[in-house]
């Protein structure tokens, strides 16, 4: 069986070379940034008391939003 000159994988009719690691990393970072911003905006929009958001709430919303966005992105790409 022939091999792909680029990735050295089996060259079948449905062959697609894996994406380069830099593009995968850029996609993960972009998903994380977008998810973090969305998490922060959701906490800011739905703050029930209209009070100031504490630093811990902000940090948790950004981290959880980023993790969820990355998880969804990776799940949909597989």
N, C-alpha and C. Protein backbone atom coordinates (compact mmCIF):
# COMPACT_ATOMS: atom_id res chain seq x y z
N UNK A 1 0.84 -1.18 0.00
CA UNK A 1 0.00 0.00 0.00
C UNK A 1 0.89 1.25 0.00
N UNK A 2 0.46 2.26 -0.70
CA UNK A 2 1.23 3.49 -0.79
C UNK A 2 1.15 4.28 0.51
N UNK A 3 2.16 5.10 0.75
CA UNK A 3 2.18 5.94 1.94
C UNK A 3 2.17 7.41 1.53
N UNK A 4 1.61 8.21 2.40
CA UNK A 4 1.53 9.65 2.16
C UNK A 4 2.92 10.25 2.29
N UNK A 5 3.35 11.09 1.36
CA UNK A 5 4.69 11.67 1.45
C UNK A 5 4.81 12.69 2.59
N UNK A 6 3.70 13.22 3.06
CA UNK A 6 3.75 14.24 4.10
C UNK A 6 3.75 13.64 5.50
N UNK A 7 2.77 12.75 5.79
CA UNK A 7 2.64 12.24 7.15
C UNK A 7 3.07 10.78 7.27
N UNK A 8 3.38 10.15 6.19
CA UNK A 8 3.82 8.75 6.14
C UNK A 8 2.73 7.77 6.58
N UNK A 9 1.48 8.19 6.51
CA UNK A 9 0.36 7.29 6.82
C UNK A 9 -0.08 6.54 5.58
N UNK A 10 -0.94 5.54 5.78
CA UNK A 10 -1.45 4.77 4.64
C UNK A 10 -2.28 5.67 3.75
N UNK A 11 -2.03 5.60 2.48
CA UNK A 11 -2.69 6.46 1.52
C UNK A 11 -3.92 5.74 0.96
N UNK A 12 -5.04 5.92 1.63
CA UNK A 12 -6.29 5.32 1.20
C UNK A 12 -7.14 6.37 0.49
N UNK A 13 -8.32 5.96 0.01
CA UNK A 13 -9.20 6.92 -0.66
C UNK A 13 -9.67 8.03 0.28
N UNK A 14 -9.83 7.70 1.56
CA UNK A 14 -10.34 8.68 2.51
C UNK A 14 -9.24 9.27 3.39
N UNK A 15 -7.99 9.22 2.94
CA UNK A 15 -6.87 9.71 3.74
C UNK A 15 -6.89 11.22 3.89
N UNK A 16 -6.69 11.66 5.12
CA UNK A 16 -6.48 13.08 5.42
C UNK A 16 -5.33 13.17 6.40
N UNK A 17 -4.36 13.99 6.11
CA UNK A 17 -3.23 14.15 7.02
C UNK A 17 -3.70 14.81 8.32
N UNK A 18 -3.12 14.40 9.45
CA UNK A 18 -3.47 15.06 10.71
C UNK A 18 -3.06 16.52 10.66
N UNK A 19 -3.83 17.34 11.36
CA UNK A 19 -3.50 18.76 11.37
C UNK A 19 -2.22 19.01 12.14
N UNK A 20 -1.56 20.07 11.81
CA UNK A 20 -0.30 20.40 12.46
C UNK A 20 -0.54 20.80 13.91
N UNK A 21 0.38 20.48 14.80
CA UNK A 21 0.19 20.77 16.23
C UNK A 21 0.00 22.25 16.53
N UNK A 22 0.59 23.14 15.76
CA UNK A 22 0.44 24.57 16.03
C UNK A 22 -1.00 25.02 15.78
N UNK A 23 -1.64 24.44 14.76
CA UNK A 23 -3.04 24.79 14.49
C UNK A 23 -3.96 24.24 15.56
N UNK A 24 -3.68 23.05 16.03
CA UNK A 24 -4.48 22.46 17.10
C UNK A 24 -4.34 23.30 18.37
N UNK A 25 -3.11 23.70 18.70
CA UNK A 25 -2.87 24.52 19.89
C UNK A 25 -3.57 25.87 19.77
N UNK A 26 -3.52 26.48 18.60
CA UNK A 26 -4.18 27.77 18.40
C UNK A 26 -5.69 27.64 18.55
N UNK A 27 -6.25 26.54 18.06
CA UNK A 27 -7.69 26.30 18.19
C UNK A 27 -8.09 26.11 19.65
N UNK A 28 -7.28 25.39 20.41
CA UNK A 28 -7.57 25.17 21.83
C UNK A 28 -7.48 26.48 22.60
N UNK A 29 -6.47 27.29 22.31
CA UNK A 29 -6.32 28.58 22.99
C UNK A 29 -7.49 29.50 22.65
N UNK A 30 -7.88 29.54 21.39
CA UNK A 30 -9.00 30.40 20.98
C UNK A 30 -10.30 29.95 21.66
N UNK A 31 -10.52 28.65 21.74
CA UNK A 31 -11.72 28.15 22.41
C UNK A 31 -11.68 28.49 23.89
N UNK A 32 -10.51 28.39 24.51
CA UNK A 32 -10.39 28.72 25.93
C UNK A 32 -10.65 30.19 26.20
N UNK A 33 -10.11 31.05 25.37
CA UNK A 33 -10.32 32.50 25.55
C UNK A 33 -11.80 32.84 25.35
N UNK A 34 -12.41 32.29 24.32
CA UNK A 34 -13.83 32.57 24.07
C UNK A 34 -14.69 32.03 25.21
N UNK A 35 -14.39 30.84 25.69
CA UNK A 35 -15.16 30.27 26.80
C UNK A 35 -14.97 31.04 28.08
N UNK A 36 -13.76 31.50 28.35
CA UNK A 36 -13.51 32.30 29.53
C UNK A 36 -14.26 33.62 29.51
N UNK A 37 -14.26 34.27 28.35
CA UNK A 37 -15.00 35.52 28.22
C UNK A 37 -16.49 35.28 28.37
N UNK A 38 -16.99 34.20 27.79
CA UNK A 38 -18.42 33.89 27.90
C UNK A 38 -18.80 33.59 29.35
N UNK A 39 -17.95 32.85 30.05
CA UNK A 39 -18.22 32.56 31.46
C UNK A 39 -18.27 33.82 32.30
N UNK A 40 -17.33 34.72 32.08
CA UNK A 40 -17.33 35.97 32.83
C UNK A 40 -18.56 36.82 32.50
N UNK A 41 -18.92 36.88 31.23
CA UNK A 41 -20.08 37.68 30.85
C UNK A 41 -21.38 37.10 31.40
N UNK A 42 -21.48 35.78 31.47
CA UNK A 42 -22.67 35.17 32.05
C UNK A 42 -22.80 35.48 33.53
N UNK A 43 -21.72 35.42 34.27
CA UNK A 43 -21.77 35.77 35.69
C UNK A 43 -22.11 37.25 35.84
N UNK A 44 -21.53 38.07 35.02
CA UNK A 44 -21.81 39.50 35.09
C UNK A 44 -23.26 39.81 34.74
N UNK A 45 -23.82 39.11 33.74
CA UNK A 45 -25.18 39.39 33.29
C UNK A 45 -26.22 38.88 34.27
N UNK A 46 -25.95 37.75 34.92
CA UNK A 46 -26.96 37.14 35.78
C UNK A 46 -26.67 37.32 37.27
N UNK A 47 -25.91 38.32 37.63
CA UNK A 47 -25.64 38.60 39.04
C UNK A 47 -26.95 39.07 39.69
N UNK A 48 -27.53 38.26 40.60
CA UNK A 48 -28.87 38.54 41.10
C UNK A 48 -28.98 39.81 41.95
N UNK A 49 -27.94 40.19 42.65
CA UNK A 49 -28.05 41.33 43.56
C UNK A 49 -27.51 42.62 42.98
N UNK A 50 -26.95 42.56 41.82
CA UNK A 50 -26.39 43.76 41.22
C UNK A 50 -25.16 44.25 41.98
N UNK A 51 -24.58 43.38 42.77
CA UNK A 51 -23.42 43.76 43.57
C UNK A 51 -22.15 43.58 42.76
N UNK A 52 -21.08 43.99 43.34
CA UNK A 52 -19.79 43.80 42.68
C UNK A 52 -19.44 42.32 42.68
N UNK A 53 -18.90 41.85 41.60
CA UNK A 53 -18.49 40.46 41.50
C UNK A 53 -17.13 40.33 42.17
N UNK A 54 -17.01 39.34 43.07
CA UNK A 54 -15.74 39.14 43.76
C UNK A 54 -14.70 38.57 42.80
N UNK A 55 -13.46 38.67 43.20
CA UNK A 55 -12.38 38.17 42.36
C UNK A 55 -12.45 36.66 42.20
N UNK A 56 -12.87 35.96 43.25
CA UNK A 56 -12.93 34.50 43.17
C UNK A 56 -14.04 34.06 42.21
N UNK A 57 -15.17 34.73 42.24
CA UNK A 57 -16.24 34.40 41.29
C UNK A 57 -15.77 34.66 39.86
N UNK A 58 -15.08 35.73 39.65
CA UNK A 58 -14.59 36.05 38.32
C UNK A 58 -13.61 35.00 37.83
N UNK A 59 -12.68 34.63 38.70
CA UNK A 59 -11.68 33.64 38.32
C UNK A 59 -12.33 32.29 38.04
N UNK A 60 -13.24 31.88 38.91
CA UNK A 60 -13.91 30.59 38.72
C UNK A 60 -14.73 30.57 37.44
N UNK A 61 -15.43 31.65 37.16
CA UNK A 61 -16.26 31.68 35.95
C UNK A 61 -15.41 31.63 34.69
N UNK A 62 -14.27 32.31 34.70
CA UNK A 62 -13.38 32.29 33.54
C UNK A 62 -12.78 30.89 33.35
N UNK A 63 -12.30 30.29 34.43
CA UNK A 63 -11.67 28.97 34.33
C UNK A 63 -12.69 27.91 33.92
N UNK A 64 -13.86 27.90 34.54
CA UNK A 64 -14.88 26.90 34.20
C UNK A 64 -15.37 27.11 32.77
N UNK A 65 -15.59 28.35 32.37
CA UNK A 65 -16.01 28.62 31.00
C UNK A 65 -14.97 28.18 29.98
N UNK A 66 -13.70 28.44 30.27
CA UNK A 66 -12.64 28.04 29.36
C UNK A 66 -12.55 26.52 29.26
N UNK A 67 -12.64 25.84 30.41
CA UNK A 67 -12.56 24.37 30.40
C UNK A 67 -13.73 23.76 29.63
N UNK A 68 -14.92 24.28 29.85
CA UNK A 68 -16.08 23.76 29.12
C UNK A 68 -15.97 24.00 27.62
N UNK A 69 -15.50 25.17 27.24
CA UNK A 69 -15.36 25.46 25.81
C UNK A 69 -14.32 24.55 25.15
N UNK A 70 -13.21 24.33 25.83
CA UNK A 70 -12.18 23.45 25.28
C UNK A 70 -12.70 22.02 25.19
N UNK A 71 -13.42 21.58 26.22
CA UNK A 71 -13.98 20.22 26.22
C UNK A 71 -14.97 20.03 25.07
N UNK A 72 -15.85 20.98 24.88
CA UNK A 72 -16.83 20.89 23.79
C UNK A 72 -16.13 20.91 22.44
N UNK A 73 -15.14 21.79 22.30
CA UNK A 73 -14.41 21.88 21.04
C UNK A 73 -13.72 20.56 20.72
N UNK A 74 -13.04 19.97 21.68
CA UNK A 74 -12.34 18.72 21.46
C UNK A 74 -13.32 17.58 21.21
N UNK A 75 -14.46 17.58 21.90
CA UNK A 75 -15.45 16.52 21.71
C UNK A 75 -16.07 16.57 20.32
N UNK A 76 -16.30 17.77 19.82
CA UNK A 76 -16.90 17.91 18.50
C UNK A 76 -15.90 17.65 17.37
N UNK A 77 -14.61 17.81 17.65
CA UNK A 77 -13.60 17.58 16.62
C UNK A 77 -13.23 16.11 16.46
N UNK A 78 -13.51 15.30 17.47
CA UNK A 78 -13.12 13.87 17.40
C UNK A 78 -13.99 13.09 16.48
